[in-house]
Amino acid sequence: MQKDPAFDLAEMDFKKWSDLAKNDPESFEVMRQAAIEEVIQGAPASQQSRLRGLQWRIDQERRRAANPLAACMRISSMMWNALVGSGGLLENMRELTLDSDAPIQPKRQQAKGKILEFCRSGE
């Protein structure tokens, strides 16, 4: 993939990415793919195939989503499933413990708050 000399990936910050996405979506996509490829190329050779497969899945979720927020939610769901889903990280970690039958549940903070009762006017 040919890099655009006007953009140095190392110099790209959030604002530059955001401006590029708004003003030149085609260049944004080229740069996005170049940045992803740079990360994959920097990974150990033994991991590159797996990373390409994961990126393909992410790209498919982005294509299937109706809008960027929906894409973000789909990708977030993928990550949560990789952590707590069947065959996920927590399940694999349980297998390493002495008591492999003990369920591992992610800790969730209990919401704390006071419920206020509102009365309708005239009541």
N, C-alpha and C. Protein backbone atom coordinates (compact mmCIF):
# COMPACT_ATOMS: atom_id res chain seq x y z
N MET A 1 0.84 -1.17 0.00
CA MET A 1 0.00 0.00 0.00
C MET A 1 0.89 1.24 0.00
N GLN A 2 0.60 2.18 -0.84
CA GLN A 2 1.38 3.41 -0.98
C GLN A 2 0.97 4.40 0.10
N LYS A 3 1.93 4.92 0.83
CA LYS A 3 1.64 5.91 1.85
C LYS A 3 1.57 7.29 1.22
N ASP A 4 0.65 8.09 1.70
CA ASP A 4 0.54 9.47 1.26
C ASP A 4 1.63 10.26 1.96
N PRO A 5 2.57 10.88 1.21
CA PRO A 5 3.66 11.59 1.87
C PRO A 5 3.19 12.79 2.67
N ALA A 6 1.97 13.28 2.41
CA ALA A 6 1.46 14.43 3.16
C ALA A 6 1.08 14.05 4.59
N PHE A 7 0.93 12.76 4.87
CA PHE A 7 0.53 12.31 6.19
C PHE A 7 1.55 11.31 6.71
N ASP A 8 2.10 11.60 7.88
CA ASP A 8 3.00 10.68 8.55
C ASP A 8 2.20 10.03 9.68
N LEU A 9 2.07 8.72 9.64
CA LEU A 9 1.25 8.03 10.64
C LEU A 9 1.69 8.34 12.06
N ALA A 10 2.99 8.49 12.26
CA ALA A 10 3.50 8.76 13.60
C ALA A 10 3.05 10.14 14.10
N GLU A 11 2.75 11.04 13.18
CA GLU A 11 2.35 12.40 13.54
C GLU A 11 0.84 12.57 13.66
N MET A 12 0.08 11.53 13.36
CA MET A 12 -1.38 11.65 13.38
C MET A 12 -1.89 11.58 14.82
N ASP A 13 -2.64 12.59 15.23
CA ASP A 13 -3.30 12.56 16.52
C ASP A 13 -4.81 12.52 16.28
N PHE A 14 -5.59 12.49 17.35
CA PHE A 14 -7.04 12.34 17.20
C PHE A 14 -7.63 13.44 16.34
N LYS A 15 -7.21 14.68 16.57
CA LYS A 15 -7.78 15.80 15.81
C LYS A 15 -7.47 15.65 14.33
N LYS A 16 -6.26 15.26 14.00
CA LYS A 16 -5.91 15.09 12.58
C LYS A 16 -6.72 13.96 11.95
N TRP A 17 -6.88 12.85 12.70
CA TRP A 17 -7.70 11.74 12.19
C TRP A 17 -9.14 12.22 11.98
N SER A 18 -9.67 12.94 12.97
CA SER A 18 -11.05 13.42 12.90
C SER A 18 -11.25 14.37 11.72
N ASP A 19 -10.33 15.32 11.56
CA ASP A 19 -10.42 16.26 10.44
C ASP A 19 -10.34 15.53 9.10
N LEU A 20 -9.45 14.58 9.00
CA LEU A 20 -9.30 13.83 7.76
C LEU A 20 -10.58 13.04 7.45
N ALA A 21 -11.17 12.43 8.47
CA ALA A 21 -12.41 11.66 8.26
C ALA A 21 -13.55 12.56 7.79
N LYS A 22 -13.63 13.77 8.34
CA LYS A 22 -14.70 14.70 7.96
C LYS A 22 -14.48 15.28 6.57
N ASN A 23 -13.23 15.66 6.28
CA ASN A 23 -12.94 16.41 5.06
C ASN A 23 -12.56 15.56 3.86
N ASP A 24 -12.01 14.37 4.12
CA ASP A 24 -11.55 13.53 3.01
C ASP A 24 -11.68 12.05 3.41
N PRO A 25 -12.91 11.53 3.41
CA PRO A 25 -13.14 10.15 3.87
C PRO A 25 -12.32 9.11 3.11
N GLU A 26 -12.08 9.32 1.83
CA GLU A 26 -11.30 8.34 1.06
C GLU A 26 -9.87 8.28 1.56
N SER A 27 -9.26 9.45 1.79
CA SER A 27 -7.89 9.47 2.32
C SER A 27 -7.86 8.90 3.74
N PHE A 28 -8.90 9.20 4.52
CA PHE A 28 -8.98 8.65 5.87
C PHE A 28 -8.93 7.12 5.81
N GLU A 29 -9.71 6.53 4.91
CA GLU A 29 -9.76 5.07 4.81
C GLU A 29 -8.41 4.50 4.39
N VAL A 30 -7.74 5.17 3.45
CA VAL A 30 -6.41 4.72 3.02
C VAL A 30 -5.44 4.78 4.20
N MET A 31 -5.48 5.88 4.95
CA MET A 31 -4.58 6.04 6.09
C MET A 31 -4.93 5.05 7.21
N ARG A 32 -6.22 4.81 7.42
CA ARG A 32 -6.64 3.85 8.44
C ARG A 32 -6.08 2.47 8.12
N GLN A 33 -6.22 2.07 6.87
CA GLN A 33 -5.70 0.76 6.47
C GLN A 33 -4.18 0.71 6.58
N ALA A 34 -3.52 1.81 6.25
CA ALA A 34 -2.05 1.85 6.37
C ALA A 34 -1.63 1.72 7.83
N ALA A 35 -2.35 2.39 8.73
CA ALA A 35 -2.02 2.33 10.16
C ALA A 35 -2.22 0.91 10.69
N ILE A 36 -3.31 0.27 10.27
CA ILE A 36 -3.57 -1.11 10.70
C ILE A 36 -2.48 -2.04 10.18
N GLU A 37 -2.13 -1.87 8.92
CA GLU A 37 -1.09 -2.71 8.32
C GLU A 37 0.25 -2.51 9.04
N GLU A 38 0.54 -1.27 9.41
CA GLU A 38 1.78 -0.99 10.13
C GLU A 38 1.82 -1.73 11.47
N VAL A 39 0.70 -1.74 12.18
CA VAL A 39 0.63 -2.45 13.46
C VAL A 39 0.81 -3.95 13.25
N ILE A 40 0.12 -4.50 12.26
CA ILE A 40 0.21 -5.94 12.00
C ILE A 40 1.63 -6.32 11.59
N GLN A 41 2.25 -5.51 10.74
CA GLN A 41 3.63 -5.79 10.31
C GLN A 41 4.60 -5.72 11.49
N GLY A 42 4.28 -4.91 12.49
CA GLY A 42 5.15 -4.78 13.66
C GLY A 42 5.00 -5.92 14.66
N ALA A 43 3.98 -6.74 14.48
CA ALA A 43 3.74 -7.87 15.38
C ALA A 43 4.65 -9.04 14.98
N PRO A 44 4.88 -9.97 15.91
CA PRO A 44 5.66 -11.16 15.56
C PRO A 44 5.00 -11.91 14.40
N ALA A 45 5.81 -12.48 13.53
CA ALA A 45 5.31 -13.19 12.35
C ALA A 45 4.29 -14.26 12.72
N SER A 46 4.49 -14.89 13.87
CA SER A 46 3.58 -15.96 14.29
C SER A 46 2.18 -15.44 14.63
N GLN A 47 2.04 -14.15 14.88
CA GLN A 47 0.74 -13.56 15.24
C GLN A 47 0.06 -12.83 14.09
N GLN A 48 0.79 -12.58 13.01
CA GLN A 48 0.25 -11.74 11.94
C GLN A 48 -0.98 -12.33 11.27
N SER A 49 -1.00 -13.61 11.04
CA SER A 49 -2.16 -14.24 10.40
C SER A 49 -3.40 -14.09 11.28
N ARG A 50 -3.23 -14.32 12.57
CA ARG A 50 -4.36 -14.18 13.50
C ARG A 50 -4.85 -12.74 13.54
N LEU A 51 -3.93 -11.79 13.54
CA LEU A 51 -4.31 -10.38 13.55
C LEU A 51 -5.06 -9.99 12.27
N ARG A 52 -4.62 -10.52 11.14
CA ARG A 52 -5.33 -10.24 9.88
C ARG A 52 -6.75 -10.81 9.92
N GLY A 53 -6.90 -11.99 10.49
CA GLY A 53 -8.22 -12.59 10.63
C GLY A 53 -9.12 -11.76 11.54
N LEU A 54 -8.56 -11.29 12.64
CA LEU A 54 -9.32 -10.44 13.55
C LEU A 54 -9.72 -9.14 12.88
N GLN A 55 -8.79 -8.55 12.14
CA GLN A 55 -9.10 -7.29 11.45
C GLN A 55 -10.19 -7.51 10.40
N TRP A 56 -10.16 -8.66 9.74
CA TRP A 56 -11.21 -8.97 8.77
C TRP A 56 -12.57 -9.01 9.46
N ARG A 57 -12.63 -9.66 10.64
CA ARG A 57 -13.89 -9.72 11.39
C ARG A 57 -14.36 -8.32 11.79
N ILE A 58 -13.44 -7.49 12.24
CA ILE A 58 -13.78 -6.12 12.63
C ILE A 58 -14.32 -5.36 11.42
N ASP A 59 -13.66 -5.50 10.28
CA ASP A 59 -14.12 -4.82 9.07
C ASP A 59 -15.51 -5.28 8.66
N GLN A 60 -15.80 -6.57 8.83
CA GLN A 60 -17.13 -7.08 8.49
C GLN A 60 -18.19 -6.49 9.42
N GLU A 61 -17.88 -6.37 10.69
CA GLU A 61 -18.83 -5.75 11.63
C GLU A 61 -19.06 -4.29 11.26
N ARG A 62 -18.02 -3.60 10.87
CA ARG A 62 -18.18 -2.19 10.44
C ARG A 62 -19.07 -2.10 9.21
N ARG A 63 -18.90 -3.02 8.27
CA ARG A 63 -19.71 -2.99 7.05
C ARG A 63 -21.18 -3.30 7.34
N ARG A 64 -21.42 -4.19 8.29
CA ARG A 64 -22.79 -4.60 8.61
C ARG A 64 -23.54 -3.56 9.42
N ALA A 65 -22.82 -2.68 10.08
CA ALA A 65 -23.45 -1.69 10.96
C ALA A 65 -24.10 -0.57 10.14
N ALA A 66 -25.20 -0.06 10.68
CA ALA A 66 -25.95 1.01 10.01
C ALA A 66 -25.25 2.36 10.09
N ASN A 67 -24.44 2.55 11.14
CA ASN A 67 -23.77 3.84 11.33
C ASN A 67 -22.54 3.62 12.21
N PRO A 68 -21.69 4.63 12.36
CA PRO A 68 -20.46 4.45 13.15
C PRO A 68 -20.71 4.05 14.61
N LEU A 69 -21.76 4.59 15.23
CA LEU A 69 -22.05 4.20 16.61
C LEU A 69 -22.43 2.73 16.70
N ALA A 70 -23.24 2.27 15.76
CA ALA A 70 -23.63 0.86 15.73
C ALA A 70 -22.40 -0.02 15.52
N ALA A 71 -21.47 0.44 14.68
CA ALA A 71 -20.23 -0.32 14.45
C ALA A 71 -19.43 -0.41 15.75
N CYS A 72 -19.34 0.70 16.46
CA CYS A 72 -18.62 0.72 17.73
C CYS A 72 -19.24 -0.26 18.72
N MET A 73 -20.56 -0.28 18.78
CA MET A 73 -21.25 -1.18 19.70
C MET A 73 -21.04 -2.64 19.31
N ARG A 74 -21.04 -2.94 18.02
CA ARG A 74 -20.82 -4.31 17.56
C ARG A 74 -19.40 -4.77 17.90
N ILE A 75 -18.43 -3.90 17.69
CA ILE A 75 -17.04 -4.24 17.97
C ILE A 75 -16.82 -4.38 19.48
N SER A 76 -17.46 -3.52 20.26
CA SER A 76 -17.39 -3.63 21.72
C SER A 76 -17.96 -4.96 22.18
N SER A 77 -19.06 -5.38 21.58
CA SER A 77 -19.66 -6.67 21.91
C SER A 77 -18.71 -7.82 21.58
N MET A 78 -18.01 -7.70 20.45
CA MET A 78 -17.01 -8.72 20.09
C MET A 78 -15.95 -8.83 21.18
N MET A 79 -15.48 -7.67 21.65
CA MET A 79 -14.43 -7.68 22.67
C MET A 79 -14.93 -8.29 23.97
N TRP A 80 -16.15 -7.94 24.39
CA TRP A 80 -16.71 -8.51 25.62
C TRP A 80 -16.87 -10.01 25.49
N ASN A 81 -17.33 -10.47 24.33
CA ASN A 81 -17.49 -11.92 24.12
C ASN A 81 -16.14 -12.63 24.19
N ALA A 82 -15.09 -11.98 23.69
CA ALA A 82 -13.76 -12.58 23.76
C ALA A 82 -13.27 -12.67 25.21
N LEU A 83 -13.78 -11.80 26.05
CA LEU A 83 -13.38 -11.80 27.46
C LEU A 83 -14.24 -12.75 28.29
N VAL A 84 -15.57 -12.60 28.21
CA VAL A 84 -16.44 -13.35 29.12
C VAL A 84 -17.29 -14.41 28.42
N GLY A 85 -17.24 -14.51 27.11
CA GLY A 85 -18.05 -15.48 26.39
C GLY A 85 -17.46 -16.88 26.44
N SER A 86 -18.16 -17.81 25.82
CA SER A 86 -17.71 -19.19 25.76
C SER A 86 -16.35 -19.27 25.07
N GLY A 87 -15.39 -19.89 25.73
CA GLY A 87 -14.04 -19.98 25.19
C GLY A 87 -13.25 -18.70 25.34
N GLY A 88 -13.79 -17.76 26.11
CA GLY A 88 -13.13 -16.46 26.30
C GLY A 88 -12.01 -16.51 27.31
N LEU A 89 -11.41 -15.37 27.54
CA LEU A 89 -10.26 -15.26 28.43
C LEU A 89 -10.59 -15.74 29.84
N LEU A 90 -11.73 -15.32 30.39
CA LEU A 90 -12.06 -15.74 31.76
C LEU A 90 -12.23 -17.25 31.87
N GLU A 91 -12.85 -17.86 30.88
CA GLU A 91 -13.01 -19.31 30.89
C GLU A 91 -11.65 -20.00 30.82
N ASN A 92 -10.77 -19.49 30.00
CA ASN A 92 -9.43 -20.07 29.91
C ASN A 92 -8.63 -19.86 31.18
N MET A 93 -8.82 -18.72 31.82
CA MET A 93 -8.13 -18.46 33.09
C MET A 93 -8.62 -19.43 34.16
N ARG A 94 -9.92 -19.74 34.15
CA ARG A 94 -10.48 -20.67 35.14
C ARG A 94 -9.80 -22.03 35.02
N GLU A 95 -9.51 -22.43 33.81
CA GLU A 95 -8.86 -23.73 33.60
C GLU A 95 -7.47 -23.78 34.22
N LEU A 96 -6.87 -22.63 34.43
CA LEU A 96 -5.55 -22.58 35.03
C LEU A 96 -5.59 -22.61 36.56
N THR A 97 -6.75 -22.38 37.13
CA THR A 97 -6.86 -22.36 38.59
C THR A 97 -6.94 -23.78 39.13
N LEU A 98 -6.70 -23.92 40.41
CA LEU A 98 -6.77 -25.24 41.04
C LEU A 98 -8.18 -25.79 41.03
N ASP A 99 -9.15 -24.94 41.27
CA ASP A 99 -10.55 -25.37 41.31
C ASP A 99 -11.20 -24.96 40.00
N SER A 100 -10.99 -25.77 38.97
CA SER A 100 -11.46 -25.39 37.64
C SER A 100 -12.98 -25.43 37.50
N ASP A 101 -13.69 -25.99 38.50
CA ASP A 101 -15.15 -26.00 38.45
C ASP A 101 -15.76 -24.72 39.00
N ALA A 102 -14.94 -23.91 39.65
CA ALA A 102 -15.47 -22.69 40.24
C ALA A 102 -15.74 -21.66 39.14
N PRO A 103 -16.96 -21.15 39.12
CA PRO A 103 -17.27 -20.15 38.08
C PRO A 103 -16.55 -18.83 38.35
N ILE A 104 -16.10 -18.22 37.30
CA ILE A 104 -15.48 -16.90 37.41
C ILE A 104 -16.44 -15.91 36.80
N GLN A 105 -16.90 -15.00 37.60
CA GLN A 105 -17.82 -13.97 37.13
C GLN A 105 -17.09 -12.63 37.14
N PRO A 106 -17.28 -11.84 36.10
CA PRO A 106 -16.66 -10.51 36.13
C PRO A 106 -17.28 -9.69 37.26
N LYS A 107 -16.44 -8.95 37.97
CA LYS A 107 -16.94 -8.10 39.04
C LYS A 107 -17.60 -6.88 38.43
N ARG A 108 -18.80 -6.63 38.85
CA ARG A 108 -19.50 -5.43 38.39
C ARG A 108 -19.79 -4.58 39.61
N GLN A 109 -19.56 -3.30 39.46
CA GLN A 109 -19.84 -2.40 40.56
C GLN A 109 -21.34 -2.25 40.72
N GLN A 110 -21.78 -2.31 41.95
CA GLN A 110 -23.19 -2.08 42.24
C GLN A 110 -23.45 -0.60 42.09
N ALA A 111 -24.50 -0.28 41.38
CA ALA A 111 -24.89 1.11 41.25
C ALA A 111 -25.40 1.59 42.61
N LYS A 112 -24.95 2.74 43.00
CA LYS A 112 -25.38 3.31 44.27
C LYS A 112 -26.05 4.64 43.97
N GLY A 113 -27.19 4.80 44.51
CA GLY A 113 -27.89 6.06 44.31
C GLY A 113 -29.19 6.06 45.08
N LYS A 114 -29.73 7.22 45.24
CA LYS A 114 -30.98 7.37 45.94
C LYS A 114 -32.08 7.57 44.90
N ILE A 115 -33.13 6.82 45.01
CA ILE A 115 -34.25 6.95 44.09
C ILE A 115 -35.17 8.03 44.63
N LEU A 116 -35.40 9.03 43.81
CA LEU A 116 -36.27 10.13 44.20
C LEU A 116 -37.66 9.91 43.63
N GLU A 117 -38.66 10.20 44.46
CA GLU A 117 -40.03 10.07 44.00
C GLU A 117 -40.52 11.45 43.59
N PHE A 118 -41.01 11.55 42.37
CA PHE A 118 -41.53 12.81 41.87
C PHE A 118 -43.05 12.74 41.84
N CYS A 119 -43.68 13.77 42.34
CA CYS A 119 -45.14 13.84 42.30
C CYS A 119 -45.56 14.73 41.14
N ARG A 120 -46.65 14.34 40.52
CA ARG A 120 -47.20 15.16 39.45
C ARG A 120 -47.93 16.34 40.08
N SER A 121 -47.95 17.43 39.36
CA SER A 121 -48.64 18.60 39.91
C SER A 121 -50.13 18.28 40.03
N GLY A 122 -50.72 18.72 41.12
CA GLY A 122 -52.14 18.48 41.36
C GLY A 122 -52.40 17.20 42.13
N GLU A 123 -51.38 16.48 42.50
CA GLU A 123 -51.60 15.22 43.25
C GLU A 123 -51.34 15.43 44.71
